[in-house]
Amino acid sequence: MFLSKSERDARHPSLVSYLLPTHWACYFINDDPSGLEDDEIAAADAWWQETFSSRSASCVDADEEYGFTAHHDAAGYCLATDCTIYRFLLTPPPAVPAGAPPLGAQP
């Protein structure tokens, strides 16, 4: 039985954790998508973009224990599969000086 997201986050207050497909591990931890199909990469990228759109994140580890479940934090991107708990270090976006154009603005 997996802990709930709030229970996982309470154990590691400086990190945020998600229960995600195990086959995303090399991609998220090592930036190596070589074992994934194009649709799996697209799903992982879409989950990441939605989850971390307003802040920077880096995947710092994934548990070695895993199990099959249909109820995980990427349910909108991946069907039932083997999942494990990933931990991400979050950092706020860089501060924009007063009067500076917004990030991504075209000159």
Protein backbone atom coordinates (compact mmCIF):
# COMPACT_ATOMS: atom_id res chain seq x y z
CA MET A 1 0.00 0.00 0.00
CA PHE A 2 1.39 3.39 -1.00
CA LEU A 3 1.26 6.42 1.29
CA SER A 4 -0.90 9.33 0.20
CA LYS A 5 0.79 12.35 -1.43
CA SER A 6 0.37 14.46 1.73
CA GLU A 7 1.86 11.67 3.87
CA ARG A 8 4.85 11.37 1.50
CA ASP A 9 5.44 15.15 1.45
CA ALA A 10 5.21 15.38 5.26
CA ARG A 11 8.08 12.87 5.56
CA HIS A 12 10.38 15.04 3.40
CA PRO A 13 9.32 18.68 3.79
CA SER A 14 12.07 20.05 1.54
CA LEU A 15 10.99 17.80 -1.35
CA VAL A 16 7.75 17.04 -3.15
CA SER A 17 6.94 13.48 -4.12
CA TYR A 18 4.74 11.87 -6.75
CA LEU A 19 3.71 8.29 -7.46
CA LEU A 20 4.63 7.86 -11.13
CA PRO A 21 5.33 5.17 -13.73
CA THR A 22 8.62 3.37 -13.18
CA HIS A 23 9.44 3.50 -16.90
CA TRP A 24 9.89 7.29 -16.61
CA ALA A 25 12.82 6.91 -14.17
CA CYS A 26 15.79 7.10 -16.57
CA TYR A 27 14.19 10.00 -18.40
CA PHE A 28 13.47 12.04 -15.27
CA ILE A 29 16.63 11.22 -13.31
CA ASN A 30 19.25 10.93 -16.08
CA ASP A 31 17.53 12.87 -18.91
CA ASP A 32 17.77 9.65 -20.96
CA PRO A 33 14.61 8.84 -22.94
CA SER A 34 16.28 6.07 -24.99
CA GLY A 35 14.11 3.29 -23.50
CA LEU A 36 10.82 5.08 -24.16
CA GLU A 37 8.51 5.21 -27.16
CA ASP A 38 7.65 8.62 -28.62
CA ASP A 39 4.17 8.57 -27.05
CA GLU A 40 5.67 7.76 -23.61
CA ILE A 41 8.09 10.68 -23.93
CA ALA A 42 5.22 12.97 -24.94
CA ALA A 43 3.16 11.82 -21.93
CA ALA A 44 6.07 12.34 -19.51
CA ASP A 45 6.79 15.78 -21.00
CA ALA A 46 3.12 16.80 -20.77
CA TRP A 47 2.90 15.66 -17.13
CA TRP A 48 6.10 17.56 -16.27
CA GLN A 49 4.93 20.73 -18.03
CA GLU A 50 1.56 20.70 -16.27
CA THR A 51 3.03 19.85 -12.87
CA PHE A 52 6.01 22.20 -12.87
CA SER A 53 4.85 25.00 -15.21
CA SER A 54 5.35 27.75 -12.64
CA ARG A 55 8.58 26.57 -11.02
CA SER A 56 11.80 24.74 -11.71
CA ALA A 57 12.17 21.16 -10.58
CA SER A 58 14.73 18.41 -10.71
CA CYS A 59 14.12 14.75 -10.02
CA VAL A 60 16.52 13.76 -7.26
CA ASP A 61 15.58 10.11 -6.80
CA ALA A 62 13.06 7.33 -7.17
CA ASP A 63 12.35 4.54 -4.72
CA GLU A 64 13.56 1.06 -5.56
CA GLU A 65 10.25 -0.40 -4.38
CA TYR A 66 7.45 -0.38 -6.91
CA GLY A 67 4.08 -1.93 -7.52
CA PHE A 68 1.33 -2.15 -10.08
CA THR A 69 -1.45 0.41 -9.64
CA ALA A 70 -4.12 2.22 -11.61
CA HIS A 71 -4.20 5.04 -9.07
CA HIS A 72 -1.12 7.24 -9.48
CA ASP A 73 -0.25 10.90 -9.96
CA ALA A 74 0.03 10.60 -13.75
CA ALA A 75 -3.34 8.96 -14.29
CA GLY A 76 -4.28 11.46 -17.00
CA TYR A 77 -1.11 10.62 -18.93
CA CYS A 78 -0.58 6.91 -18.36
CA LEU A 79 -2.84 3.92 -17.74
CA ALA A 80 -2.38 1.38 -14.94
CA THR A 81 1.28 0.41 -14.70
CA ASP A 82 4.15 -0.30 -12.33
CA CYS A 83 4.77 2.86 -10.29
CA THR A 84 7.22 4.11 -7.72
CA ILE A 85 7.65 7.24 -5.67
CA TYR A 86 9.79 9.98 -7.23
CA ARG A 87 11.12 12.94 -5.28
CA PHE A 88 11.61 16.36 -6.84
CA LEU A 89 13.54 19.34 -5.55
CA LEU A 90 11.59 22.50 -6.33
CA THR A 91 13.08 25.93 -6.83
CA PRO A 92 11.15 29.13 -7.44
CA PRO A 93 11.53 30.82 -10.83
CA PRO A 94 14.18 33.54 -10.94
CA ALA A 95 12.98 36.92 -9.74
CA VAL A 96 12.36 39.48 -12.45
CA PRO A 97 13.70 42.96 -11.61
CA ALA A 98 11.08 45.72 -11.45
CA GLY A 99 10.46 47.20 -14.90
CA ALA A 100 12.02 44.22 -16.70
CA PRO A 101 9.98 42.54 -19.45
CA PRO A 102 8.36 39.24 -18.45
CA LEU A 103 10.35 36.06 -19.01
CA GLY A 104 9.90 34.81 -22.55
CA ALA A 105 8.84 38.22 -23.91
CA GLN A 106 10.05 38.97 -27.40
CA PRO A 107 12.12 42.15 -27.90
